[in-house]
PDB file of N, CA and C in Angstrom:
ATOM      1  N   MET A   1       3.497  20.557  80.970  1.00  0.00           N
ATOM      2  CA  MET A   1       3.557  20.569  82.418  1.00  0.00           C
ATOM      3  C   MET A   1       3.811  19.152  82.916  1.00  0.00           C
ATOM      4  N   ALA A   2       4.324  19.089  84.112  1.00  0.00           N
ATOM      5  CA  ALA A   2       4.621  17.787  84.689  1.00  0.00           C
ATOM      6  C   ALA A   2       4.207  17.759  86.155  1.00  0.00           C
ATOM      7  N   ARG A   3       4.058  16.541  86.651  1.00  0.00           N
ATOM      8  CA  ARG A   3       3.805  16.321  88.073  1.00  0.00           C
ATOM      9  C   ARG A   3       5.032  15.610  88.613  1.00  0.00           C
ATOM     10  N   TYR A   4       5.592  16.138  89.692  1.00  0.00           N
ATOM     11  CA  TYR A   4       6.790  15.572  90.307  1.00  0.00           C
ATOM     12  C   TYR A   4       6.419  14.910  91.622  1.00  0.00           C
ATOM     13  N   GLU A   5       6.796  13.650  91.758  1.00  0.00           N
ATOM     14  CA  GLU A   5       6.604  12.931  93.007  1.00  0.00           C
ATOM     15  C   GLU A   5       7.983  12.702  93.608  1.00  0.00           C
ATOM     16  N   ILE A   6       8.268  13.360  94.730  1.00  0.00           N
ATOM     17  CA  ILE A   6       9.574  13.283  95.376  1.00  0.00           C
ATOM     18  C   ILE A   6       9.454  12.323  96.558  1.00  0.00           C
ATOM     19  N   ASN A   7      10.255  11.264  96.538  1.00  0.00           N
ATOM     20  CA  ASN A   7      10.268  10.246  97.591  1.00  0.00           C
ATOM     21  C   ASN A   7      11.529  10.409  98.424  1.00  0.00           C
ATOM     22  N   TYR A   8      11.359  10.510  99.744  1.00  0.00           N
ATOM     23  CA  TYR A   8      12.483  10.741 100.650  1.00  0.00           C
ATOM     24  C   TYR A   8      12.949   9.462 101.319  1.00  0.00           C
ATOM     25  N   LEU A   9      14.157   9.505 101.863  1.00  0.00           N
ATOM     26  CA  LEU A   9      14.742   8.339 102.516  1.00  0.00           C
ATOM     27  C   LEU A   9      13.944   7.885 103.728  1.00  0.00           C
ATOM     28  N   ASP A  10      13.228   8.792 104.385  1.00  0.00           N
ATOM     29  CA  ASP A  10      12.441   8.415 105.566  1.00  0.00           C
ATOM     30  C   ASP A  10      11.068   7.847 105.210  1.00  0.00           C
ATOM     31  N   GLY A  11      10.772   7.707 103.907  1.00  0.00           N
ATOM     32  CA  GLY A  11       9.515   7.128 103.467  1.00  0.00           C
ATOM     33  C   GLY A  11       8.429   8.144 103.149  1.00  0.00           C
ATOM     34  N   SER A  12       8.645   9.411 103.470  1.00  0.00           N
ATOM     35  CA  SER A  12       7.638  10.428 103.153  1.00  0.00           C
ATOM     36  C   SER A  12       7.741  10.836 101.685  1.00  0.00           C
ATOM     37  N   THR A  13       6.683  11.478 101.192  1.00  0.00           N
ATOM     38  CA  THR A  13       6.659  11.926  99.804  1.00  0.00           C
ATOM     39  C   THR A  13       6.087  13.335  99.721  1.00  0.00           C
ATOM     40  N   ASP A  14       6.439  14.041  98.669  1.00  0.00           N
ATOM     41  CA  ASP A  14       5.859  15.330  98.314  1.00  0.00           C
ATOM     42  C   ASP A  14       5.483  15.266  96.847  1.00  0.00           C
ATOM     43  N   THR A  15       4.427  15.983  96.475  1.00  0.00           N
ATOM     44  CA  THR A  15       4.007  16.046  95.087  1.00  0.00           C
ATOM     45  C   THR A  15       3.885  17.500  94.671  1.00  0.00           C
ATOM     46  N   VAL A  16       4.479  17.822  93.524  1.00  0.00           N
ATOM     47  CA  VAL A  16       4.364  19.162  92.949  1.00  0.00           C
ATOM     48  C   VAL A  16       3.690  18.989  91.598  1.00  0.00           C
ATOM     49  N   THR A  17       2.595  19.721  91.378  1.00  0.00           N
ATOM     50  CA  THR A  17       1.839  19.581  90.135  1.00  0.00           C
ATOM     51  C   THR A  17       1.967  20.820  89.265  1.00  0.00           C
ATOM     52  N   ASN A  18       1.712  20.626  87.988  1.00  0.00           N
ATOM     53  CA  ASN A  18       1.696  21.709  86.995  1.00  0.00           C
ATOM     54  C   ASN A  18       2.976  22.532  86.965  1.00  0.00           C
ATOM     55  N   ALA A  19       4.099  21.871  87.025  1.00  0.00           N
ATOM     56  CA  ALA A  19       5.382  22.554  86.975  1.00  0.00           C
ATOM     57  C   ALA A  19       6.051  22.267  85.625  1.00  0.00           C
ATOM     58  N   PRO A  20       6.532  23.301  84.945  1.00  0.00           N
ATOM     59  CA  PRO A  20       7.093  23.099  83.619  1.00  0.00           C
ATOM     60  C   PRO A  20       8.558  22.658  83.590  1.00  0.00           C
ATOM     61  N   GLY A  21       9.280  22.756  84.702  1.00  0.00           N
ATOM     62  CA  GLY A  21      10.691  22.394  84.618  1.00  0.00           C
ATOM     63  C   GLY A  21      11.319  22.105  85.963  1.00  0.00           C
ATOM     64  N   HIS A  22      12.530  21.560  85.901  1.00  0.00           N
ATOM     65  CA  HIS A  22      13.293  21.249  87.109  1.00  0.00           C
ATOM     66  C   HIS A  22      14.773  21.313  86.791  1.00  0.00           C
ATOM     67  N   GLU A  23      15.604  21.308  87.839  1.00  0.00           N
ATOM     68  CA  GLU A  23      17.052  21.186  87.676  1.00  0.00           C
ATOM     69  C   GLU A  23      17.665  20.706  88.981  1.00  0.00           C
ATOM     70  N   TRP A  24      18.825  20.083  88.848  1.00  0.00           N
ATOM     71  CA  TRP A  24      19.617  19.655  89.988  1.00  0.00           C
ATOM     72  C   TRP A  24      20.755  20.664  90.093  1.00  0.00           C
ATOM     73  N   SER A  25      20.948  21.272  91.263  1.00  0.00           N
ATOM     74  CA  SER A  25      21.950  22.321  91.380  1.00  0.00           C
ATOM     75  C   SER A  25      22.546  22.342  92.784  1.00  0.00           C
ATOM     76  N   ALA A  26      23.853  22.236  92.887  1.00  0.00           N
ATOM     77  CA  ALA A  26      24.585  22.392  94.154  1.00  0.00           C
ATOM     78  C   ALA A  26      23.970  21.620  95.324  1.00  0.00           C
ATOM     79  N   GLY A  27      23.654  20.363  95.104  1.00  0.00           N
ATOM     80  CA  GLY A  27      23.134  19.517  96.169  1.00  0.00           C
ATOM     81  C   GLY A  27      21.667  19.689  96.475  1.00  0.00           C
ATOM     82  N   VAL A  28      20.928  20.374  95.581  1.00  0.00           N
ATOM     83  CA  VAL A  28      19.490  20.529  95.785  1.00  0.00           C
ATOM     84  C   VAL A  28      18.744  20.194  94.502  1.00  0.00           C
ATOM     85  N   PHE A  29      17.508  19.762  94.666  1.00  0.00           N
ATOM     86  CA  PHE A  29      16.602  19.522  93.551  1.00  0.00           C
ATOM     87  C   PHE A  29      15.618  20.674  93.531  1.00  0.00           C
ATOM     88  N   LEU A  30      15.505  21.357  92.391  1.00  0.00           N
ATOM     89  CA  LEU A  30      14.632  22.512  92.254  1.00  0.00           C
ATOM     90  C   LEU A  30      13.535  22.216  91.242  1.00  0.00           C
ATOM     91  N   VAL A  31      12.307  22.570  91.578  1.00  0.00           N
ATOM     92  CA  VAL A  31      11.207  22.539  90.620  1.00  0.00           C
ATOM     93  C   VAL A  31      10.898  23.997  90.315  1.00  0.00           C
ATOM     94  N   LEU A  32      10.803  24.315  89.014  1.00  0.00           N
ATOM     95  CA  LEU A  32      10.684  25.697  88.568  1.00  0.00           C
ATOM     96  C   LEU A  32       9.326  25.980  87.948  1.00  0.00           C
ATOM     97  N   ASP A  33       8.892  27.240  88.056  1.00  0.00           N
ATOM     98  CA  ASP A  33       7.662  27.642  87.371  1.00  0.00           C
ATOM     99  C   ASP A  33       8.016  28.161  85.980  1.00  0.00           C
ATOM    100  N   ALA A  34       7.040  28.660  85.249  1.00  0.00           N
ATOM    101  CA  ALA A  34       7.252  29.095  83.866  1.00  0.00           C
ATOM    102  C   ALA A  34       8.235  30.259  83.749  1.00  0.00           C
ATOM    103  N   GLN A  35       8.384  31.055  84.814  1.00  0.00           N
ATOM    104  CA  GLN A  35       9.336  32.179  84.802  1.00  0.00           C
ATOM    105  C   GLN A  35      10.689  31.789  85.391  1.00  0.00           C
ATOM    106  N   LYS A  36      10.933  30.493  85.543  1.00  0.00           N
ATOM    107  CA  LYS A  36      12.188  29.942  86.074  1.00  0.00           C
ATOM    108  C   LYS A  36      12.414  30.301  87.541  1.00  0.00           C
ATOM    109  N   ARG A  37      11.326  30.563  88.280  1.00  0.00           N
ATOM    110  CA  ARG A  37      11.431  30.807  89.717  1.00  0.00           C
ATOM    111  C   ARG A  37      11.254  29.477  90.441  1.00  0.00           C
ATOM    112  N   THR A  38      11.957  29.325  91.543  1.00  0.00           N
ATOM    113  CA  THR A  38      11.879  28.094  92.328  1.00  0.00           C
ATOM    114  C   THR A  38      10.552  28.028  93.066  1.00  0.00           C
ATOM    115  N   ILE A  39       9.822  26.935  92.857  1.00  0.00           N
ATOM    116  CA  ILE A  39       8.582  26.729  93.594  1.00  0.00           C
ATOM    117  C   ILE A  39       8.696  25.560  94.571  1.00  0.00           C
ATOM    118  N   TYR A  40       9.763  24.768  94.445  1.00  0.00           N
ATOM    119  CA  TYR A  40       9.995  23.667  95.367  1.00  0.00           C
ATOM    120  C   TYR A  40      11.489  23.412  95.432  1.00  0.00           C
ATOM    121  N   LEU A  41      12.015  23.183  96.621  1.00  0.00           N
ATOM    122  CA  LEU A  41      13.430  22.943  96.811  1.00  0.00           C
ATOM    123  C   LEU A  41      13.597  21.812  97.817  1.00  0.00           C
ATOM    124  N   ALA A  42      14.459  20.847  97.499  1.00  0.00           N
ATOM    125  CA  ALA A  42      14.728  19.739  98.413  1.00  0.00           C
ATOM    126  C   ALA A  42      16.206  19.366  98.323  1.00  0.00           C
ATOM    127  N   PRO A  43      16.861  19.122  99.467  1.00  0.00           N
ATOM    128  CA  PRO A  43      18.257  18.686  99.449  1.00  0.00           C
ATOM    129  C   PRO A  43      18.375  17.272  98.875  1.00  0.00           C
ATOM    130  N   THR A  44      19.300  17.087  97.943  1.00  0.00           N
ATOM    131  CA  THR A  44      19.421  15.787  97.274  1.00  0.00           C
ATOM    132  C   THR A  44      19.874  14.678  98.225  1.00  0.00           C
ATOM    133  N   ALA A  45      20.545  15.013  99.305  1.00  0.00           N
ATOM    134  CA  ALA A  45      21.005  13.993 100.244  1.00  0.00           C
ATOM    135  C   ALA A  45      19.841  13.255 100.901  1.00  0.00           C
ATOM    136  N   ASN A  46      18.664  13.871 100.946  1.00  0.00           N
ATOM    137  CA  ASN A  46      17.494  13.259 101.574  1.00  0.00           C
ATOM    138  C   ASN A  46      16.544  12.603 100.582  1.00  0.00           C
ATOM    139  N   ILE A  47      16.831  12.697  99.282  1.00  0.00           N
ATOM    140  CA  ILE A  47      15.920  12.190  98.256  1.00  0.00           C
ATOM    141  C   ILE A  47      16.286  10.759  97.855  1.00  0.00           C
ATOM    142  N   ARG A  48      15.286   9.894  97.869  1.00  0.00           N
ATOM    143  CA  ARG A  48      15.478   8.525  97.385  1.00  0.00           C
ATOM    144  C   ARG A  48      15.239   8.468  95.877  1.00  0.00           C
ATOM    145  N   SER A  49      14.146   9.105  95.410  1.00  0.00           N
ATOM    146  CA  SER A  49      13.838   9.108  93.989  1.00  0.00           C
ATOM    147  C   SER A  49      12.910  10.268  93.649  1.00  0.00           C
ATOM    148  N   VAL A  50      12.916  10.627  92.373  1.00  0.00           N
ATOM    149  CA  VAL A  50      11.996  11.623  91.850  1.00  0.00           C
ATOM    150  C   VAL A  50      11.323  11.017  90.627  1.00  0.00           C
ATOM    151  N   LEU A  51      10.010  10.928  90.655  1.00  0.00           N
ATOM    152  CA  LEU A  51       9.246  10.419  89.525  1.00  0.00           C
ATOM    153  C   LEU A  51       8.629  11.624  88.832  1.00  0.00           C
ATOM    154  N   ILE A  52       8.837  11.698  87.518  1.00  0.00           N
ATOM    155  CA  ILE A  52       8.309  12.812  86.733  1.00  0.00           C
ATOM    156  C   ILE A  52       7.257  12.257  85.782  1.00  0.00           C
ATOM    157  N   HIS A  53       6.023  12.737  85.963  1.00  0.00           N
ATOM    158  CA  HIS A  53       4.904  12.287  85.153  1.00  0.00           C
ATOM    159  C   HIS A  53       4.505  13.433  84.228  1.00  0.00           C
ATOM    160  N   ASP A  54       4.642  13.234  82.922  1.00  0.00           N
ATOM    161  CA  ASP A  54       4.176  14.239  81.978  1.00  0.00           C
ATOM    162  C   ASP A  54       2.663  14.250  81.983  1.00  0.00           C
ATOM    163  N   GLU A  55       2.097  15.438  82.020  1.00  0.00           N
ATOM    164  CA  GLU A  55       0.651  15.572  82.005  1.00  0.00           C
ATOM    165  C   GLU A  55       0.266  16.625  80.989  1.00  0.00           C
ATOM    166  N   ALA A  56      -0.827  16.405  80.332  1.00  0.00           N
ATOM    167  CA  ALA A  56      -1.296  17.373  79.336  1.00  0.00           C
ATOM    168  C   ALA A  56      -1.690  18.676  80.021  1.00  0.00           C
ATOM    169  N   ALA A  57      -1.341  19.795  79.404  1.00  0.00           N
ATOM    170  CA  ALA A  57      -1.710  21.096  79.948  1.00  0.00           C
ATOM    171  C   ALA A  57      -3.208  21.296  79.815  1.00  0.00           C
ATOM    172  N   THR A  58      -3.803  21.858  80.835  1.00  0.00           N
ATOM    173  CA  THR A  58      -5.240  22.140  80.796  1.00  0.00           C
ATOM    174  C   THR A  58      -5.455  23.619  80.969  1.00  0.00           C
ATOM    175  N   ASP A  59      -6.167  24.211  80.050  1.00  0.00           N
ATOM    176  CA  ASP A  59      -6.488  25.651  80.136  1.00  0.00           C
ATOM    177  C   ASP A  59      -7.975  25.846  80.051  1.00  0.00           C
TER     178      ASP A  59
END
């Protein structure tokens, strides 16, 4: 699992935790769950950076 920190051009940030995957597709950044469903979507034109922190899975 990973934690995604999305930093936007306006200085705001979003954090998505415990997500197993992501992809860049057609001008958007997608964070996916284990069944490959989108749990977070952001237009790439507004993104300054994405930091991906690997975290150990906890069960």
